[in-house]
Amino acid sequence: MLVSDVGPNSPAARAGIQRGDVILKVNGEAVDSTGRLRNLVAASGVSSKAQLEILRNGKTLTVPVALGEMPNDPTALREPKAEGGSAPSTLDGLTLEGINPTNRTRFRIPADVATGVVVTDVDRGSPAARAGLRPGDVLLEIDRQKVTNVQRFKELWSRTKGRTLLLLYRQGQTIFMVVNR
């Protein structure tokens, strides 16, 4: 199971789990879905320890994790961050803007999403539209490189060819997506 996000105050963060890690096993049991991971962690019990086998940058690692109770409010794990912004830009069928108060309100982007660029429009039939990008998505990374503003997006995007891995924020979740250029 691919880790798309790690809450900063979570047991996973304290154990050193990182975005992009692939969880292979929990206490020696194979993980083949999110549900299976959730069940294996729940079966271990609150306040217990679990051994995770993960794949990171092509290497298999064993990571001990002190388990805790999931908060009722999933946003409780998040830390607030600062805001930024920039002028609109169109690139390969995407219209992009920096994160600013207007976009935060329009697309309901929470304060803890501090960097990235907001997709404000997607041309029909473009590779981005076929991949499933839509207005309101916040592009956070391109091929595991952080997007801080529209200019950084353009710089990273210009280096890509073929399949390109994007990390984006959409309606309370971070999602990995592959776009064919």
Protein backbone atom coordinates (compact mmCIF):
# COMPACT_ATOMS: atom_id res chain seq x y z
CA MET A 1 0.00 0.00 0.00
CA LEU A 2 1.42 3.36 -1.08
CA VAL A 3 1.56 6.04 1.63
CA SER A 4 0.21 9.26 0.12
CA ASP A 5 0.31 11.34 3.31
CA VAL A 6 1.53 11.16 6.91
CA GLY A 7 -0.05 13.29 9.62
CA PRO A 8 2.68 15.27 11.42
CA ASN A 9 1.60 14.19 14.93
CA SER A 10 0.67 10.61 14.04
CA PRO A 11 2.30 7.35 15.17
CA ALA A 12 3.46 6.85 11.57
CA ALA A 13 5.24 10.21 11.58
CA ARG A 14 6.90 9.47 14.92
CA ALA A 15 8.11 6.13 13.49
CA GLY A 16 9.62 7.87 10.45
CA ILE A 17 7.13 6.67 7.82
CA GLN A 18 7.28 9.00 4.79
CA ARG A 19 5.03 9.95 1.91
CA GLY A 20 5.90 7.60 -0.96
CA ASP A 21 6.77 4.62 1.25
CA VAL A 22 5.07 1.36 0.31
CA ILE A 23 3.84 -0.71 3.26
CA LEU A 24 4.42 -4.38 2.44
CA LYS A 25 3.71 -6.13 5.76
CA VAL A 26 2.42 -5.51 9.27
CA ASN A 27 3.84 -7.92 11.87
CA GLY A 28 4.81 -10.30 9.05
CA GLU A 29 1.33 -10.29 7.43
CA ALA A 30 1.14 -9.09 3.79
CA VAL A 31 -0.72 -5.85 3.09
CA ASP A 32 -2.59 -5.81 -0.23
CA SER A 33 -5.19 -3.11 0.41
CA THR A 34 -6.02 -0.17 2.64
CA GLY A 35 -8.69 -2.26 4.40
CA ARG A 36 -6.19 -5.03 5.13
CA LEU A 37 -3.72 -2.49 6.57
CA ARG A 38 -6.44 -0.97 8.75
CA ASN A 39 -7.52 -4.42 10.00
CA LEU A 40 -3.97 -5.57 10.78
CA VAL A 41 -3.23 -2.36 12.69
CA ALA A 42 -6.55 -2.53 14.57
CA ALA A 43 -5.93 -6.20 15.47
CA SER A 44 -2.59 -5.19 17.01
CA GLY A 45 -4.42 -2.97 19.51
CA VAL A 46 -4.03 0.58 20.79
CA SER A 47 -0.79 1.26 22.70
CA SER A 48 0.92 -1.82 21.25
CA LYS A 49 3.89 -1.97 18.89
CA ALA A 50 3.82 -3.18 15.29
CA GLN A 51 6.63 -4.01 12.91
CA LEU A 52 6.08 -2.57 9.44
CA GLU A 53 8.01 -3.83 6.46
CA ILE A 54 8.21 -0.98 3.97
CA LEU A 55 9.76 -0.28 0.60
CA ARG A 56 11.53 3.08 0.35
CA ASN A 57 13.62 4.13 -2.62
CA GLY A 58 14.01 0.52 -3.74
CA LYS A 59 15.13 -0.75 -0.33
CA THR A 60 13.14 -2.88 2.11
CA LEU A 61 13.18 -1.59 5.70
CA THR A 62 11.63 -2.80 8.96
CA VAL A 63 10.17 0.02 11.03
CA PRO A 64 8.80 -0.34 14.58
CA VAL A 65 5.64 1.72 15.19
CA ALA A 66 4.07 2.50 18.57
CA LEU A 67 0.36 2.41 17.75
CA GLY A 68 -2.15 4.93 19.07
CA GLU A 69 -5.85 5.68 18.88
CA MET A 70 -7.20 7.36 15.73
CA PRO A 71 -8.67 10.77 16.63
CA ASN A 72 -12.37 11.40 15.94
CA ASP A 73 -11.37 14.46 13.90
CA PRO A 74 -8.78 13.46 11.25
CA THR A 75 -7.71 17.11 10.89
CA ALA A 76 -6.47 17.00 14.50
CA LEU A 77 -3.21 15.51 13.20
CA ARG A 78 -2.54 18.46 10.90
CA GLU A 79 -0.46 21.53 11.66
CA PRO A 80 -1.45 24.93 10.24
CA LYS A 81 0.94 26.55 7.73
CA ALA A 82 1.38 29.89 5.96
CA GLU A 83 -0.27 31.08 2.71
CA GLY A 84 1.18 32.17 -0.64
CA GLY A 85 -0.05 33.05 -4.12
CA SER A 86 0.70 33.99 -7.73
CA ALA A 87 -0.92 35.02 -11.01
CA PRO A 88 -2.86 32.56 -13.21
CA SER A 89 -0.93 30.48 -15.74
CA THR A 90 -2.03 28.06 -18.45
CA LEU A 91 0.14 25.04 -19.22
CA ASP A 92 -0.68 21.94 -21.31
CA GLY A 93 -4.42 22.32 -20.77
CA LEU A 94 -4.20 23.29 -17.10
CA THR A 95 -4.95 26.75 -15.75
CA LEU A 96 -3.01 27.18 -12.52
CA GLU A 97 -2.84 29.75 -9.75
CA GLY A 98 -1.00 30.00 -6.48
CA ILE A 99 -2.82 29.34 -3.23
CA ASN A 100 -4.46 32.59 -2.14
CA PRO A 101 -7.46 33.57 0.02
CA THR A 102 -9.83 33.63 -2.98
CA ASN A 103 -8.86 30.11 -4.07
CA ARG A 104 -8.97 28.84 -0.50
CA THR A 105 -12.58 29.98 -0.24
CA ARG A 106 -13.64 29.00 -3.77
CA PHE A 107 -12.19 25.46 -3.58
CA ARG A 108 -12.39 24.98 0.23
CA ILE A 109 -8.64 24.52 0.64
CA PRO A 110 -7.72 24.27 4.33
CA ALA A 111 -4.99 26.39 5.91
CA ASP A 112 -2.73 23.36 6.40
CA VAL A 113 -2.30 23.05 2.61
CA ALA A 114 0.35 25.77 2.40
CA THR A 115 2.29 25.08 -0.79
CA GLY A 116 1.43 23.88 -4.26
CA VAL A 117 -0.60 25.29 -7.12
CA VAL A 118 -4.36 25.22 -7.59
CA VAL A 119 -5.91 23.85 -10.77
CA THR A 120 -8.56 26.44 -11.65
CA ASP A 121 -9.48 24.97 -15.07
CA VAL A 122 -8.75 21.87 -17.18
CA ASP A 123 -9.16 21.78 -20.98
CA ARG A 124 -11.39 18.96 -22.20
CA GLY A 125 -9.47 16.19 -23.95
CA SER A 126 -6.08 17.26 -22.55
CA PRO A 127 -3.78 14.65 -20.95
CA ALA A 128 -4.54 16.23 -17.57
CA ALA A 129 -8.30 15.84 -18.14
CA ARG A 130 -7.86 12.22 -19.25
CA ALA A 131 -5.81 11.53 -16.10
CA GLY A 132 -8.65 12.90 -13.95
CA LEU A 133 -7.32 16.28 -12.82
CA ARG A 134 -10.07 18.74 -12.03
CA PRO A 135 -10.56 22.30 -10.79
CA GLY A 136 -9.82 22.59 -7.09
CA ASP A 137 -7.00 20.04 -7.11
CA VAL A 138 -3.84 21.36 -5.47
CA LEU A 139 -0.70 20.00 -7.13
CA LEU A 140 1.86 19.36 -4.38
CA GLU A 141 4.64 17.39 -6.13
CA ILE A 142 5.81 16.42 -9.60
CA ASP A 143 7.92 13.24 -9.70
CA ARG A 144 8.47 13.58 -5.93
CA GLN A 145 9.76 17.17 -6.25
CA LYS A 146 7.89 19.75 -4.16
CA VAL A 147 5.82 22.37 -6.02
CA THR A 148 6.03 25.68 -4.16
CA ASN A 149 4.48 28.04 -6.73
CA VAL A 150 3.43 28.29 -10.39
CA GLN A 151 6.97 29.06 -11.56
CA ARG A 152 8.33 25.96 -9.78
CA PHE A 153 5.52 23.89 -11.32
CA LYS A 154 6.48 25.12 -14.81
CA GLU A 155 10.15 24.36 -14.15
CA LEU A 156 9.46 20.80 -12.95
CA TRP A 157 6.78 20.16 -15.60
CA SER A 158 9.16 21.18 -18.40
CA ARG A 159 11.59 18.41 -17.32
CA THR A 160 9.01 15.62 -17.52
CA LYS A 161 8.40 13.23 -20.41
CA GLY A 162 6.00 10.31 -20.79
CA ARG A 163 4.49 9.15 -17.51
CA THR A 164 4.67 11.76 -14.78
CA LEU A 165 3.83 11.13 -11.11
CA LEU A 166 1.81 13.87 -9.44
CA LEU A 167 0.91 14.20 -5.79
CA LEU A 168 -2.18 16.29 -5.26
CA TYR A 169 -4.55 17.37 -2.53
CA ARG A 170 -8.26 16.82 -3.28
CA GLN A 171 -11.11 17.31 -0.82
CA GLY A 172 -9.25 16.36 2.35
CA GLN A 173 -6.99 13.66 0.87
CA THR A 174 -3.63 13.45 -0.83
CA ILE A 175 -3.60 11.31 -3.95
CA PHE A 176 -0.88 10.05 -6.28
CA MET A 177 -1.82 10.27 -9.97
CA VAL A 178 0.05 9.40 -13.17
CA VAL A 179 -0.32 11.73 -16.16
CA ASN A 180 0.92 10.79 -19.63
CA ARG A 181 2.55 13.79 -21.32
